[in-house]
N, C-alpha and C. Protein backbone atom coordinates (compact mmCIF):
# COMPACT_ATOMS: atom_id res chain seq x y z
N MET A 1 0.89 -1.12 0.18
CA MET A 1 -0.14 0.06 0.12
C MET A 1 0.93 0.98 -0.01
N HIS A 2 0.33 2.32 -0.62
CA HIS A 2 0.94 3.66 -0.13
C HIS A 2 0.57 4.24 0.66
N LEU A 3 0.94 4.77 1.65
CA LEU A 3 0.70 5.23 2.67
C LEU A 3 0.93 6.84 3.03
N LEU A 4 -0.03 7.60 3.22
CA LEU A 4 0.14 9.27 3.34
C LEU A 4 -0.23 9.58 4.46
N GLY A 5 0.33 10.68 5.21
CA GLY A 5 -0.26 11.08 6.25
C GLY A 5 0.10 12.69 6.26
N PHE A 6 -0.64 13.40 6.97
CA PHE A 6 -0.37 14.85 6.91
C PHE A 6 -0.57 15.29 8.31
N SER A 7 0.43 15.92 8.99
CA SER A 7 0.70 16.36 10.36
C SER A 7 0.46 15.52 11.64
N LEU A 8 -0.36 15.20 12.25
CA LEU A 8 -0.52 14.08 13.46
C LEU A 8 -0.66 12.70 12.59
N GLY A 9 -1.76 12.74 11.24
CA GLY A 9 -1.64 11.56 10.53
C GLY A 9 -0.29 11.08 9.98
N ALA A 10 0.56 11.73 9.72
CA ALA A 10 2.00 11.70 9.07
C ALA A 10 2.79 10.77 10.33
N TYR A 11 2.66 11.38 11.49
CA TYR A 11 3.27 10.66 12.74
C TYR A 11 2.86 9.20 12.80
N LEU A 12 1.49 9.34 12.82
CA LEU A 12 0.49 7.89 12.66
C LEU A 12 1.01 7.03 11.78
N ALA A 13 0.94 7.79 10.75
CA ALA A 13 1.63 6.68 9.54
C ALA A 13 2.85 6.42 9.56
N LEU A 14 3.83 6.85 9.94
CA LEU A 14 5.08 6.60 10.24
C LEU A 14 4.99 5.19 11.31
N GLU A 15 4.45 5.72 12.62
CA GLU A 15 4.53 4.46 13.31
C GLU A 15 3.67 3.14 12.70
N HIS A 16 2.55 3.27 12.02
CA HIS A 16 2.07 2.58 11.33
C HIS A 16 3.20 1.56 10.48
N ALA A 17 3.94 2.58 9.64
CA ALA A 17 4.86 2.02 8.96
C ALA A 17 5.90 0.92 9.54
N LEU A 18 6.47 1.54 10.72
CA LEU A 18 7.47 1.10 11.24
C LEU A 18 7.02 -0.44 11.94
N ALA A 19 5.66 -0.51 12.14
CA ALA A 19 4.99 -1.62 12.49
C ALA A 19 4.70 -2.66 11.73
N HIS A 20 4.64 -2.21 10.99
CA HIS A 20 4.19 -3.21 9.44
C HIS A 20 4.65 -2.83 8.28
N PRO A 21 6.23 -2.75 7.96
CA PRO A 21 6.88 -2.71 7.16
C PRO A 21 6.66 -3.57 5.94
N GLN A 22 6.36 -4.83 6.19
CA GLN A 22 5.76 -5.37 4.94
C GLN A 22 4.52 -5.25 4.02
N CYS A 23 3.95 -4.18 4.60
CA CYS A 23 2.72 -4.02 4.01
C CYS A 23 3.10 -2.77 3.02
N ILE A 24 3.96 -1.78 3.06
CA ILE A 24 3.97 -0.58 2.55
C ILE A 24 4.79 -0.56 1.38
N LYS A 25 4.11 -0.15 0.36
CA LYS A 25 5.31 0.27 -0.74
C LYS A 25 5.84 1.21 -0.77
N SER A 26 4.99 2.27 -0.43
CA SER A 26 5.86 3.74 -0.30
C SER A 26 5.36 4.68 0.86
N LEU A 27 5.56 5.61 1.52
CA LEU A 27 5.15 6.20 2.51
C LEU A 27 5.29 7.68 2.10
N THR A 28 4.42 8.57 2.46
CA THR A 28 4.62 10.25 2.18
C THR A 28 4.16 10.70 3.64
N LEU A 29 5.20 11.64 4.12
CA LEU A 29 5.14 12.51 5.42
C LEU A 29 4.97 13.58 4.84
N ILE A 30 3.77 14.51 5.38
CA ILE A 30 3.99 15.86 5.43
C ILE A 30 3.45 16.44 6.46
N ALA A 31 4.56 17.51 6.60
CA ALA A 31 4.64 18.31 7.86
C ALA A 31 4.47 17.77 9.30
N ASN A 32 5.39 16.85 9.20
CA ASN A 32 5.51 16.16 10.75
C ASN A 32 6.92 15.64 10.92
N SER A 33 7.35 15.47 11.86
CA SER A 33 8.54 15.53 12.49
C SER A 33 8.60 13.91 13.01
N ALA A 34 9.48 13.16 12.97
CA ALA A 34 9.72 11.96 13.53
C ALA A 34 10.19 11.81 15.22
N LYS A 35 10.62 13.57 15.34
CA LYS A 35 10.74 13.52 16.77
C LYS A 35 9.69 14.03 17.51
N GLY A 36 8.54 14.03 16.86
CA GLY A 36 7.33 14.42 17.49
C GLY A 36 7.31 15.84 18.02
N LEU A 37 6.63 16.28 18.73
CA LEU A 37 6.30 17.72 19.10
C LEU A 37 7.13 18.13 19.64
N GLN A 38 7.69 19.79 19.06
CA GLN A 38 8.52 20.40 19.63
C GLN A 38 7.84 21.05 21.19
N PRO A 39 9.44 21.51 21.75
CA PRO A 39 8.51 21.79 23.28
C PRO A 39 7.41 23.02 23.26
N THR A 40 7.77 24.07 22.10
CA THR A 40 6.98 25.06 22.09
C THR A 40 5.55 24.84 21.69
N GLU A 41 5.58 23.52 20.75
CA GLU A 41 4.43 22.65 20.64
C GLU A 41 3.30 22.07 21.57
N VAL A 42 4.45 21.40 22.31
CA VAL A 42 3.88 20.73 23.77
C VAL A 42 3.08 22.04 24.63
N SER A 43 3.77 22.91 24.77
CA SER A 43 3.44 24.25 25.43
C SER A 43 1.83 24.61 25.26
N ALA A 44 2.01 24.68 23.82
CA ALA A 44 0.98 25.16 23.08
C ALA A 44 -0.34 24.17 23.29
N ARG A 45 -0.10 22.92 23.23
CA ARG A 45 -1.13 22.04 23.27
C ARG A 45 -1.63 22.08 24.88
N GLN A 46 -0.73 22.11 25.69
CA GLN A 46 -1.39 21.88 26.99
C GLN A 46 -1.85 23.20 27.74
N ARG A 47 -1.40 24.59 26.96
CA ARG A 47 -2.36 25.32 27.08
C ARG A 47 -3.85 25.41 26.74
N ILE A 48 -4.03 24.73 25.26
CA ILE A 48 -5.40 24.78 24.64
C ILE A 48 -5.84 23.55 25.45
N VAL A 49 -5.42 22.62 26.09
CA VAL A 49 -6.03 21.49 26.85
C VAL A 49 -6.66 22.36 28.13
N ALA A 50 -5.79 22.87 28.67
CA ALA A 50 -6.29 23.70 30.05
C ALA A 50 -7.43 24.64 29.87
N MET A 51 -7.22 25.28 28.58
CA MET A 51 -8.25 26.22 28.31
C MET A 51 -9.76 25.30 27.83
N LEU A 52 -9.45 24.51 27.14
CA LEU A 52 -10.71 24.03 26.95
C LEU A 52 -11.41 23.03 27.84
N GLU A 53 -10.74 22.44 28.89
CA GLU A 53 -11.22 21.82 30.18
C GLU A 53 -11.91 23.06 30.76
N ARG A 54 -11.88 24.27 30.86
CA ARG A 54 -12.25 25.27 31.81
C ARG A 54 -13.35 25.89 30.62
N ASN A 55 -13.25 25.78 29.76
CA ASN A 55 -14.35 26.94 29.00
C ASN A 55 -14.54 26.19 27.89
N ALA A 56 -15.92 26.66 27.50
CA ALA A 56 -16.66 26.45 26.32
C ALA A 56 -15.72 26.56 24.98
N TYR A 57 -15.82 25.60 23.99
CA TYR A 57 -15.18 25.55 22.74
C TYR A 57 -15.70 26.48 21.78
N THR A 58 -15.09 27.43 21.27
CA THR A 58 -15.82 28.42 20.31
C THR A 58 -15.01 28.23 18.76
N GLY A 59 -14.06 27.53 18.64
CA GLY A 59 -13.26 27.17 17.45
C GLY A 59 -11.82 27.37 17.40
N ILE A 60 -10.76 27.49 16.50
CA ILE A 60 -9.75 27.77 16.52
C ILE A 60 -9.42 29.17 16.67
N THR A 61 -8.45 29.63 17.39
CA THR A 61 -7.95 30.90 17.38
C THR A 61 -7.47 31.78 16.78
N ARG A 62 -7.51 32.91 16.61
CA ARG A 62 -6.70 33.89 15.69
C ARG A 62 -4.91 33.12 15.79
N GLN A 63 -4.64 33.28 17.31
CA GLN A 63 -3.57 32.94 17.79
C GLN A 63 -3.00 31.49 16.88
N ARG A 64 -3.92 30.55 17.00
CA ARG A 64 -3.78 29.41 16.60
C ARG A 64 -3.34 29.25 14.72
N LEU A 65 -4.11 30.22 14.37
CA LEU A 65 -4.29 30.53 12.69
C LEU A 65 -2.84 31.01 12.68
N ARG A 66 -2.18 31.82 13.32
CA ARG A 66 -1.03 32.35 12.96
C ARG A 66 0.29 31.49 12.95
N GLU A 67 0.15 30.27 14.14
CA GLU A 67 0.87 29.31 13.99
C GLU A 67 0.83 28.06 13.01
N LEU A 68 -0.20 27.92 12.37
CA LEU A 68 -0.39 26.97 11.26
C LEU A 68 -0.37 27.65 10.04
N LEU A 69 -0.65 28.98 9.73
CA LEU A 69 -0.41 29.33 8.18
C LEU A 69 0.74 30.49 8.18
N HIS A 70 1.13 30.45 6.93
CA HIS A 70 2.07 31.58 6.43
C HIS A 70 1.55 32.95 6.45
N PRO A 71 2.45 34.04 7.00
CA PRO A 71 1.74 35.41 7.14
C PRO A 71 0.75 35.78 5.82
N SER A 72 1.12 35.06 4.72
CA SER A 72 0.37 35.54 3.30
C SER A 72 -0.91 34.73 3.30
N HIS A 73 -1.19 33.83 3.75
CA HIS A 73 -2.59 33.22 3.90
C HIS A 73 -3.45 33.50 5.12
N LEU A 74 -2.97 34.41 5.98
CA LEU A 74 -3.78 34.85 7.20
C LEU A 74 -5.13 35.43 6.76
N HIS A 75 -5.08 36.26 5.49
CA HIS A 75 -6.29 36.68 5.36
C HIS A 75 -6.83 36.15 4.16
N ASP A 76 -6.62 35.23 3.78
CA ASP A 76 -7.44 34.38 2.40
C ASP A 76 -8.60 33.64 3.22
N ALA A 77 -9.52 34.05 2.97
CA ALA A 77 -10.77 33.38 3.52
C ALA A 77 -10.90 32.08 3.30
N SER A 78 -10.50 31.89 2.06
CA SER A 78 -10.72 30.31 1.26
C SER A 78 -9.96 29.08 2.06
N ILE A 79 -8.94 29.77 2.80
CA ILE A 79 -7.95 29.09 3.66
C ILE A 79 -8.57 29.29 5.28
N THR A 80 -8.87 30.31 5.37
CA THR A 80 -8.73 30.60 6.98
C THR A 80 -10.29 29.81 7.49
N ASP A 81 -11.40 30.21 6.33
CA ASP A 81 -12.62 30.00 6.95
C ASP A 81 -12.52 28.56 7.11
N LEU A 82 -12.05 27.54 6.07
CA LEU A 82 -12.16 25.99 6.00
C LEU A 82 -11.37 25.50 7.04
N ILE A 83 -10.21 26.05 7.76
CA ILE A 83 -9.83 25.70 8.98
C ILE A 83 -10.79 26.01 10.10
N LEU A 84 -11.04 27.00 10.00
CA LEU A 84 -12.11 27.45 11.24
C LEU A 84 -13.42 26.46 11.17
N GLN A 85 -13.86 26.06 10.23
CA GLN A 85 -15.05 25.15 10.07
C GLN A 85 -14.56 23.91 10.38
N MET A 86 -13.38 23.32 10.12
CA MET A 86 -12.84 22.07 10.58
C MET A 86 -12.82 21.97 12.08
N GLY A 87 -12.41 23.05 12.77
CA GLY A 87 -12.48 23.16 14.13
C GLY A 87 -13.85 23.16 15.13
N LEU A 88 -14.67 23.87 14.02
CA LEU A 88 -15.88 23.62 14.66
C LEU A 88 -16.77 22.30 14.50
N ASP A 89 -16.16 21.66 13.09
CA ASP A 89 -16.70 20.37 13.11
C ASP A 89 -16.19 19.33 13.98
N LEU A 90 -14.83 19.25 14.18
CA LEU A 90 -14.39 18.72 15.28
C LEU A 90 -15.09 18.42 16.59
N GLY A 91 -15.19 19.97 16.93
CA GLY A 91 -15.65 19.57 18.51
C GLY A 91 -14.85 19.95 19.59
N LYS A 92 -14.98 19.92 20.63
CA LYS A 92 -14.32 20.37 21.67
C LYS A 92 -13.73 18.42 22.52
N GLU A 93 -14.71 17.93 22.23
CA GLU A 93 -14.35 16.37 22.64
C GLU A 93 -13.39 15.77 21.80
N VAL A 94 -13.66 15.67 20.65
CA VAL A 94 -12.68 15.23 19.82
C VAL A 94 -11.27 15.89 19.75
N LEU A 95 -11.08 17.23 19.92
CA LEU A 95 -10.09 18.00 19.79
C LEU A 95 -9.26 17.92 21.17
N LEU A 96 -9.82 17.46 22.50
CA LEU A 96 -9.57 17.25 23.56
C LEU A 96 -8.71 15.95 23.67
N ALA A 97 -9.42 14.95 23.12
CA ALA A 97 -8.76 13.76 22.89
C ALA A 97 -7.53 13.52 21.84
N GLN A 98 -7.63 14.34 20.82
CA GLN A 98 -6.51 14.23 20.23
C GLN A 98 -5.43 14.89 20.69
N PHE A 99 -5.36 15.92 21.55
CA PHE A 99 -4.46 16.46 22.07
C PHE A 99 -3.83 15.83 23.33
N ILE A 100 -4.68 15.33 24.11
CA ILE A 100 -4.19 14.74 25.19
C ILE A 100 -3.43 13.28 24.78
N THR A 101 -3.99 12.57 23.89
CA THR A 101 -3.33 11.56 23.52
C THR A 101 -1.79 11.63 22.65
N THR A 102 -1.93 12.61 22.30
CA THR A 102 -0.70 12.81 21.13
C THR A 102 0.35 13.65 21.76
N ILE A 103 0.38 14.14 22.87
CA ILE A 103 1.38 15.40 23.64
C ILE A 103 2.73 14.37 23.91
N ALA A 104 2.74 13.50 24.49
CA ALA A 104 3.68 12.82 24.75
C ALA A 104 3.93 11.50 23.36
N ARG A 105 4.67 11.99 22.33
CA ARG A 105 5.09 11.04 21.55
C ARG A 105 6.58 10.41 21.71
N PRO A 106 6.99 9.18 21.03
CA PRO A 106 8.02 8.76 21.42
C PRO A 106 9.01 9.39 19.91
N ASP A 107 10.47 9.55 20.28
CA ASP A 107 10.77 9.93 19.41
C ASP A 107 11.43 8.52 18.33
N LEU A 108 11.11 8.81 17.10
CA LEU A 108 11.10 7.84 16.08
C LEU A 108 12.18 7.87 15.05
N MET A 109 13.41 9.16 15.21
CA MET A 109 14.19 9.02 14.02
C MET A 109 15.03 8.02 14.23
N ALA A 110 15.56 7.25 15.26
CA ALA A 110 16.55 6.20 15.38
C ALA A 110 15.73 5.00 14.54
N ARG A 111 14.73 5.00 14.47
CA ARG A 111 14.19 3.39 13.71
C ARG A 111 13.98 4.19 12.35
N LEU A 112 14.08 5.29 11.90
CA LEU A 112 13.72 5.35 10.43
C LEU A 112 14.64 4.55 9.52
N PRO A 113 16.06 4.20 9.71
CA PRO A 113 16.67 3.24 8.65
C PRO A 113 15.88 1.88 8.62
N GLU A 114 14.91 1.76 9.26
CA GLU A 114 14.19 0.44 9.29
C GLU A 114 13.17 0.39 8.02
N LEU A 115 13.11 1.51 7.51
CA LEU A 115 12.16 1.77 6.69
C LEU A 115 12.82 1.77 5.46
N ASP A 116 13.06 0.45 4.49
CA ASP A 116 13.72 0.26 3.39
C ASP A 116 12.63 0.28 2.15
N PHE A 117 12.04 1.14 1.90
CA PHE A 117 11.14 1.64 0.72
C PHE A 117 11.20 3.19 0.60
N PRO A 118 10.55 3.39 -0.66
CA PRO A 118 10.55 4.76 -0.65
C PRO A 118 9.66 5.80 0.28
N VAL A 119 10.02 6.87 0.40
CA VAL A 119 9.69 7.56 1.51
C VAL A 119 9.72 9.32 1.27
N LEU A 120 8.57 9.74 0.74
CA LEU A 120 8.48 11.05 0.66
C LEU A 120 8.30 12.06 1.72
N ILE A 121 9.07 12.97 1.93
CA ILE A 121 8.94 13.82 3.14
C ILE A 121 8.62 15.12 2.31
N VAL A 122 7.53 15.70 2.78
CA VAL A 122 7.16 17.23 2.31
C VAL A 122 7.07 17.98 3.30
N GLY A 123 7.83 19.09 3.37
CA GLY A 123 7.77 20.32 4.56
C GLY A 123 7.88 21.74 4.13
N ALA A 124 7.79 22.50 4.84
CA ALA A 124 7.76 24.02 4.60
C ALA A 124 8.78 24.69 5.43
N GLU A 125 9.76 25.54 4.74
CA GLU A 125 10.86 26.10 5.35
C GLU A 125 10.00 27.01 6.61
N ASP A 126 8.83 27.42 6.27
CA ASP A 126 8.45 28.38 7.18
C ASP A 126 7.27 27.62 8.12
N ASP A 127 7.38 26.30 8.27
CA ASP A 127 6.44 25.91 9.04
C ASP A 127 6.84 26.07 10.28
N GLN A 128 6.21 26.52 11.30
CA GLN A 128 6.52 27.16 12.74
C GLN A 128 6.30 26.08 13.78
N LEU A 129 5.69 24.85 13.14
CA LEU A 129 5.18 23.88 14.07
C LEU A 129 6.65 22.58 13.69
N VAL A 130 6.82 22.42 12.76
CA VAL A 130 7.81 21.51 12.22
C VAL A 130 8.92 22.07 11.62
N PRO A 131 9.99 21.99 12.53
CA PRO A 131 11.40 22.67 12.04
C PRO A 131 11.82 22.04 10.67
N ALA A 132 12.41 22.99 9.63
CA ALA A 132 12.94 22.20 8.09
C ALA A 132 14.10 21.23 8.73
N ASP A 133 14.72 21.81 9.99
CA ASP A 133 15.98 20.78 10.03
C ASP A 133 15.71 19.65 10.69
N ASP A 134 14.58 19.38 11.09
CA ASP A 134 14.08 17.80 11.65
C ASP A 134 13.85 17.07 10.44
N LEU A 135 13.31 17.53 9.31
CA LEU A 135 13.03 16.89 8.35
C LEU A 135 14.02 16.73 7.40
N ARG A 136 15.20 17.35 7.44
CA ARG A 136 16.17 17.24 6.38
C ARG A 136 16.94 15.98 7.20
N ALA A 137 16.84 16.25 8.64
CA ALA A 137 17.49 15.19 9.42
C ALA A 137 17.07 13.63 9.44
N MET A 138 15.66 13.94 8.95
CA MET A 138 15.01 12.23 8.53
C MET A 138 15.24 11.71 7.47
N ALA A 139 15.29 12.86 6.40
CA ALA A 139 15.96 12.49 5.15
C ALA A 139 17.20 11.36 4.91
N THR A 140 18.24 12.20 5.87
CA THR A 140 19.16 11.42 6.07
C THR A 140 19.45 10.29 6.34
N ARG A 141 18.53 9.77 7.48
CA ARG A 141 18.20 8.45 8.13
C ARG A 141 17.68 7.62 7.21
N LEU A 142 16.77 7.88 6.51
CA LEU A 142 15.86 7.08 5.77
C LEU A 142 16.60 6.66 4.55
N PRO A 143 16.89 5.25 4.13
CA PRO A 143 17.66 4.69 2.96
C PRO A 143 17.21 5.28 1.68
N GLN A 144 15.67 5.24 1.23
CA GLN A 144 15.14 5.95 0.20
C GLN A 144 14.45 7.11 0.36
N ALA A 145 14.83 8.09 0.87
CA ALA A 145 13.82 9.41 1.02
C ALA A 145 14.21 10.22 -0.31
N THR A 146 13.11 10.96 0.01
CA THR A 146 13.18 12.30 -1.11
C THR A 146 12.45 13.26 -0.33
N LEU A 147 13.23 14.34 -0.26
CA LEU A 147 12.89 15.55 0.59
C LEU A 147 12.44 16.62 -0.47
N HIS A 148 11.34 16.95 -0.34
CA HIS A 148 10.46 17.91 -1.05
C HIS A 148 10.28 19.38 -0.03
N MET A 149 11.14 20.46 0.21
CA MET A 149 10.86 21.38 0.71
C MET A 149 10.25 22.67 0.28
N LEU A 150 9.13 23.15 0.36
CA LEU A 150 8.70 24.36 0.01
C LEU A 150 9.01 25.54 0.75
N SER A 151 9.31 26.44 -0.29
CA SER A 151 9.78 27.71 0.41
C SER A 151 9.19 29.00 -0.09
N ASP A 152 7.93 29.12 -0.64
CA ASP A 152 7.36 30.12 -0.90
C ASP A 152 6.03 30.45 -0.58
N ASP A 153 6.11 31.08 0.64
CA ASP A 153 4.40 31.29 1.17
C ASP A 153 3.51 30.04 1.71
N THR A 154 4.49 29.25 2.27
CA THR A 154 4.12 27.93 2.85
C THR A 154 4.13 27.90 4.38
N GLY A 155 3.21 27.57 5.14
CA GLY A 155 3.32 27.11 6.56
C GLY A 155 3.01 26.00 6.78
N HIS A 156 2.40 25.55 8.00
CA HIS A 156 2.32 24.02 8.32
C HIS A 156 1.18 23.62 7.52
N MET A 157 -0.13 24.11 7.05
CA MET A 157 -1.25 23.48 6.54
C MET A 157 -0.85 23.40 4.96
N ILE A 158 -0.03 22.85 4.42
CA ILE A 158 0.65 22.53 3.14
C ILE A 158 -0.68 21.72 1.90
N PRO A 159 -1.20 21.08 2.54
CA PRO A 159 -2.51 20.72 1.71
C PRO A 159 -3.32 21.85 1.16
N LEU A 160 -3.47 23.04 2.27
CA LEU A 160 -4.35 24.19 1.70
C LEU A 160 -3.52 25.13 1.13
N GLU A 161 -2.14 25.75 1.92
CA GLU A 161 -1.31 26.58 1.32
C GLU A 161 -0.75 26.27 0.09
N ALA A 162 -0.40 25.09 -0.46
CA ALA A 162 0.50 24.87 -1.41
C ALA A 162 -0.14 23.54 -2.05
N PRO A 163 -1.50 23.19 -2.68
CA PRO A 163 -1.94 21.91 -2.98
C PRO A 163 -1.28 21.54 -4.40
N ARG A 164 -1.27 22.69 -5.21
CA ARG A 164 -0.26 22.25 -6.61
C ARG A 164 0.85 21.99 -6.72
N ALA A 165 1.88 22.10 -5.68
CA ALA A 165 3.01 21.91 -5.06
C ALA A 165 2.89 20.44 -4.61
N LEU A 166 2.07 20.15 -3.75
CA LEU A 166 2.05 18.75 -3.00
C LEU A 166 1.53 18.04 -4.10
N ALA A 167 0.58 18.08 -4.84
CA ALA A 167 -0.01 17.38 -5.71
C ALA A 167 1.26 16.62 -6.93
N ALA A 168 1.91 17.87 -7.01
CA ALA A 168 3.11 17.62 -8.10
C ALA A 168 4.18 16.82 -7.36
N ALA A 169 4.45 16.70 -6.53
CA ALA A 169 5.21 16.28 -5.78
C ALA A 169 4.94 14.78 -5.27
N LEU A 170 3.50 14.48 -4.78
CA LEU A 170 3.16 13.20 -4.64
C LEU A 170 2.92 12.50 -6.01
N ARG A 171 2.50 13.18 -7.16
CA ARG A 171 2.74 12.41 -8.55
C ARG A 171 3.85 12.01 -8.62
N ALA A 172 5.11 12.78 -8.58
CA ALA A 172 6.29 12.61 -9.10
C ALA A 172 6.71 11.46 -8.08
N HIS A 173 6.29 11.27 -6.98
CA HIS A 173 6.72 10.04 -5.66
C HIS A 173 6.09 8.61 -6.30
N LEU A 174 4.66 8.77 -6.65
CA LEU A 174 4.23 7.61 -7.01
C LEU A 174 4.65 7.26 -8.58
N GLU A 175 4.81 8.28 -9.48
CA GLU A 175 5.58 7.25 -10.63
C GLU A 175 6.77 7.20 -10.42
N ALA A 176 7.46 7.38 -9.52
CA ALA A 176 8.89 6.96 -9.23
C ALA A 176 8.59 5.45 -8.39
N THR A 177 7.78 5.44 -8.19
CA THR A 177 7.59 3.67 -7.51
C THR A 177 6.48 2.65 -8.75
N ASP A 178 6.45 3.53 -9.62
CA ASP A 178 6.04 2.60 -11.03
C ASP A 178 4.62 2.13 -10.55
N ASN A 179 3.80 2.93 -9.81
CA ASN A 179 2.35 2.37 -9.71
C ASN A 179 1.47 3.37 -10.23
N LEU A 180 1.63 4.73 -10.38
CA LEU A 180 0.81 5.54 -10.73
C LEU A 180 0.46 5.42 -11.84
N LYS A 181 1.46 4.94 -12.87
CA LYS A 181 1.44 4.84 -14.25
C LYS A 181 0.43 3.28 -14.68
N ASP A 182 0.63 2.25 -14.07
CA ASP A 182 -0.14 1.38 -14.05
C ASP A 182 -1.52 1.49 -13.64
N ASN A 183 -1.78 2.35 -12.53
CA ASN A 183 -3.10 2.40 -12.09
C ASN A 183 -4.26 3.32 -13.20
N VAL A 184 -3.26 4.39 -13.72
CA VAL A 184 -3.65 5.42 -14.58
C VAL A 184 -4.28 4.44 -15.88
N VAL A 185 -3.39 3.69 -16.84
CA VAL A 185 -3.73 2.86 -17.55
C VAL A 185 -4.96 1.72 -17.52
N HIS A 186 -4.59 1.56 -16.31
CA HIS A 186 -6.00 0.08 -15.96
C HIS A 186 -7.54 1.13 -16.00
N ARG A 187 -7.17 2.31 -15.22
CA ARG A 187 -8.59 2.95 -14.95
C ARG A 187 -9.07 3.40 -16.53
N ALA A 188 -8.09 3.69 -17.32
CA ALA A 188 -8.54 4.19 -18.34
C ALA A 188 -9.12 3.30 -19.56
N MET A 189 -8.58 2.48 -19.18
CA MET A 189 -8.92 1.12 -20.31
C MET A 189 -10.35 0.64 -19.97
N PRO A 190 -11.26 0.80 -20.36
CA PRO A 190 -12.42 -0.07 -20.28
C PRO A 190 -12.39 -1.64 -20.46
N PRO A 191 -13.11 -2.54 -19.49
CA PRO A 191 -12.67 -4.00 -19.75
C PRO A 191 -13.13 -4.26 -21.18
N PRO A 192 -12.36 -5.11 -21.50
CA PRO A 192 -12.39 -5.85 -22.95
C PRO A 192 -13.81 -6.38 -23.26
N LEU A 193 -14.48 -6.46 -24.35
CA LEU A 193 -15.89 -7.03 -24.59
C LEU A 193 -15.56 -8.35 -24.71
N SER A 194 -16.58 -9.05 -24.37
CA SER A 194 -16.78 -10.19 -24.68
C SER A 194 -17.20 -10.83 -26.09
N GLN A 195 -16.95 -11.71 -26.93
CA GLN A 195 -17.64 -12.34 -28.24
C GLN A 195 -19.29 -12.12 -27.93
N ASN A 196 -19.64 -12.25 -26.75
CA ASN A 196 -21.26 -12.30 -26.66
C ASN A 196 -22.11 -10.96 -26.73
N GLN A 197 -21.08 -9.97 -26.24
CA GLN A 197 -21.69 -8.62 -25.98
C GLN A 197 -21.99 -7.97 -27.04
């Protein structure tokens, strides 16, 4: 299988790949470090948990948006409105559960050499949550890594801030594993007609 994850989902995808490497054909990790959370992010999440436990949840704050997005996207309603709505749709209980269960994460950097299949790492130089140096360190430890760093107007929310660049990197990664071309051909070709049809 080709496994892909973004942010927390990338960390979970990495854990799954380490637990079941025989099932993985390729792995894509977007905006996440194998080190887990940085101390500043742990503090931010602890602050959010304490606030959520004491107060009603009214959605993602402007401060959190500033941490998630590149400054050039803070006034782009097509992005900010979507993030704000996702926060409301998620709700207080799910958000609390995610934060509480994911604050303490084991450092997986030392285990990266175990993954001997193609791994695409996509990050952003201006991501305030995931240091670019962590991603570079991951790439040096993975036997078959491709590192794709975005440098123009992109923060943590890569799928929303740079969807075309992400799609191009994903396509190149999948084509390199020889899977996408085969699937496109098979999907584009109708099944052969039998003599009786």
